[in-house]
Amino acid sequence: MLARYARLELIEVRENQSVDGRIPERAFVCLLASGGREFDSMEFSRFLEERRQSGRDLCFVIGGPRGLDLESCDMRLSLGKMTLPHQLARVVLLEQIYRANKILAREPYHY
């Protein structure tokens, strides 16, 4: 359903592999982290639109069970104060990206 609004590529990296080599060059890197910035749905939709207007790819990075610390990320994003397993965080993030795109398209889902 999201493909209608955005090009999406999911890349899974094993814990013993480096994430750095898998991040697209020139991408705006957003690391999911508990202490990161929080958005409501409207704010997140505006954030996605700003990223789209910038012309840079947007790369979300979700750590594994032990977390992940990237030295070179553009922003840290929090899905909330509760800790989520990384597989569930991926589903929640994808749903929020879908919701944000529906908001930007002014289509019913959020309203």
Protein backbone atom coordinates (compact mmCIF):
# COMPACT_ATOMS: atom_id res chain seq x y z
CA MET A 1 0.00 0.00 0.00
CA LEU A 2 2.91 2.35 0.69
CA ALA A 3 4.39 1.86 -2.80
CA ARG A 4 1.66 4.13 -4.16
CA TYR A 5 3.20 7.06 -2.27
CA ALA A 6 6.91 6.40 -1.93
CA ARG A 7 9.73 4.22 -3.15
CA LEU A 8 10.74 1.96 -0.30
CA GLU A 9 13.61 -0.45 0.14
CA LEU A 10 13.93 -2.58 3.26
CA ILE A 11 17.43 -3.80 4.02
CA GLU A 12 18.06 -6.11 6.92
CA VAL A 13 21.58 -6.38 8.31
CA ARG A 14 22.70 -9.14 10.64
CA GLU A 15 24.09 -8.11 14.01
CA ASN A 16 27.63 -9.08 13.00
CA GLN A 17 27.52 -6.88 9.87
CA SER A 18 28.28 -3.18 9.61
CA VAL A 19 25.36 -0.85 8.99
CA ASP A 20 27.53 1.98 7.68
CA GLY A 21 28.25 0.32 4.34
CA ARG A 22 24.54 -0.21 3.70
CA ILE A 23 23.43 3.41 4.11
CA PRO A 24 22.93 5.17 0.76
CA GLU A 25 25.40 7.93 -0.01
CA ARG A 26 24.01 11.44 0.57
CA ALA A 27 21.00 10.05 2.45
CA PHE A 28 19.44 11.86 5.38
CA VAL A 29 19.99 9.26 8.12
CA CYS A 30 17.40 8.98 10.85
CA LEU A 31 18.31 6.60 13.69
CA LEU A 32 15.46 5.29 15.80
CA ALA A 33 16.49 5.85 19.41
CA SER A 34 14.66 6.12 22.72
CA GLY A 35 16.04 9.58 23.39
CA GLY A 36 15.24 10.90 19.93
CA ARG A 37 12.81 13.53 18.74
CA GLU A 38 9.12 12.66 18.97
CA PHE A 39 6.49 13.74 16.44
CA ASP A 40 2.73 13.52 16.31
CA SER A 41 1.28 12.31 13.00
CA MET A 42 0.86 15.78 11.49
CA GLU A 43 4.40 16.82 12.46
CA PHE A 44 5.81 13.60 11.03
CA SER A 45 3.99 14.18 7.74
CA ARG A 46 5.52 17.67 7.53
CA PHE A 47 8.95 16.20 8.33
CA LEU A 48 8.59 13.67 5.49
CA GLU A 49 7.52 16.41 3.08
CA GLU A 50 10.53 18.54 4.04
CA ARG A 51 12.81 15.57 3.42
CA ARG A 52 11.12 14.93 0.05
CA GLN A 53 11.57 18.57 -0.95
CA SER A 54 15.27 18.42 -0.03
CA GLY A 55 15.87 15.87 -2.79
CA ARG A 56 17.88 13.56 -0.52
CA ASP A 57 16.97 9.95 0.15
CA LEU A 58 15.66 9.31 3.64
CA CYS A 59 17.16 6.34 5.46
CA PHE A 60 15.66 5.09 8.73
CA VAL A 61 17.92 2.84 10.80
CA ILE A 62 16.50 0.55 13.47
CA GLY A 63 18.92 -1.21 15.79
CA GLY A 64 18.68 -4.79 16.91
CA PRO A 65 17.95 -6.16 20.38
CA ARG A 66 21.11 -4.54 21.79
CA GLY A 67 20.40 -1.19 20.15
CA LEU A 68 22.70 0.64 17.77
CA ASP A 69 24.76 3.80 17.99
CA LEU A 70 25.59 5.46 14.69
CA GLU A 71 28.18 8.18 14.91
CA SER A 72 27.02 9.85 11.71
CA CYS A 73 23.27 10.27 11.70
CA ASP A 74 21.38 13.44 10.86
CA MET A 75 18.62 12.93 13.39
CA ARG A 76 17.47 10.60 16.15
CA LEU A 77 13.78 9.69 16.13
CA SER A 78 11.77 8.16 18.95
CA LEU A 79 8.52 6.26 18.43
CA GLY A 80 7.71 6.91 22.08
CA LYS A 81 9.04 6.24 25.54
CA MET A 82 8.14 2.55 25.54
CA THR A 83 10.76 0.10 24.35
CA LEU A 84 9.70 -1.91 21.29
CA PRO A 85 11.32 -5.01 19.81
CA HIS A 86 13.08 -4.00 16.59
CA GLN A 87 10.69 -6.08 14.44
CA LEU A 88 7.69 -4.28 15.94
CA ALA A 89 9.41 -0.89 15.65
CA ARG A 90 9.74 -1.55 11.90
CA VAL A 91 5.99 -2.22 11.58
CA VAL A 92 5.11 0.89 13.62
CA LEU A 93 7.49 3.05 11.56
CA LEU A 94 6.07 1.75 8.26
CA GLU A 95 2.54 2.43 9.47
CA GLN A 96 3.50 5.97 10.44
CA ILE A 97 5.13 6.57 7.05
CA TYR A 98 1.94 5.32 5.39
CA ARG A 99 -0.23 7.52 7.62
CA ALA A 100 1.97 10.56 6.90
CA ASN A 101 1.67 10.01 3.16
CA LYS A 102 -2.12 9.71 3.45
CA ILE A 103 -2.15 13.01 5.37
CA LEU A 104 -0.01 14.68 2.69
CA ALA A 105 -2.31 13.36 -0.04
CA ARG A 106 -5.32 14.64 1.95
CA GLU A 107 -6.87 11.19 1.83
CA PRO A 108 -9.01 9.69 4.58
CA TYR A 109 -7.17 7.60 7.12
CA HIS A 110 -6.05 10.01 9.74
CA TYR A 111 -8.92 12.47 9.64
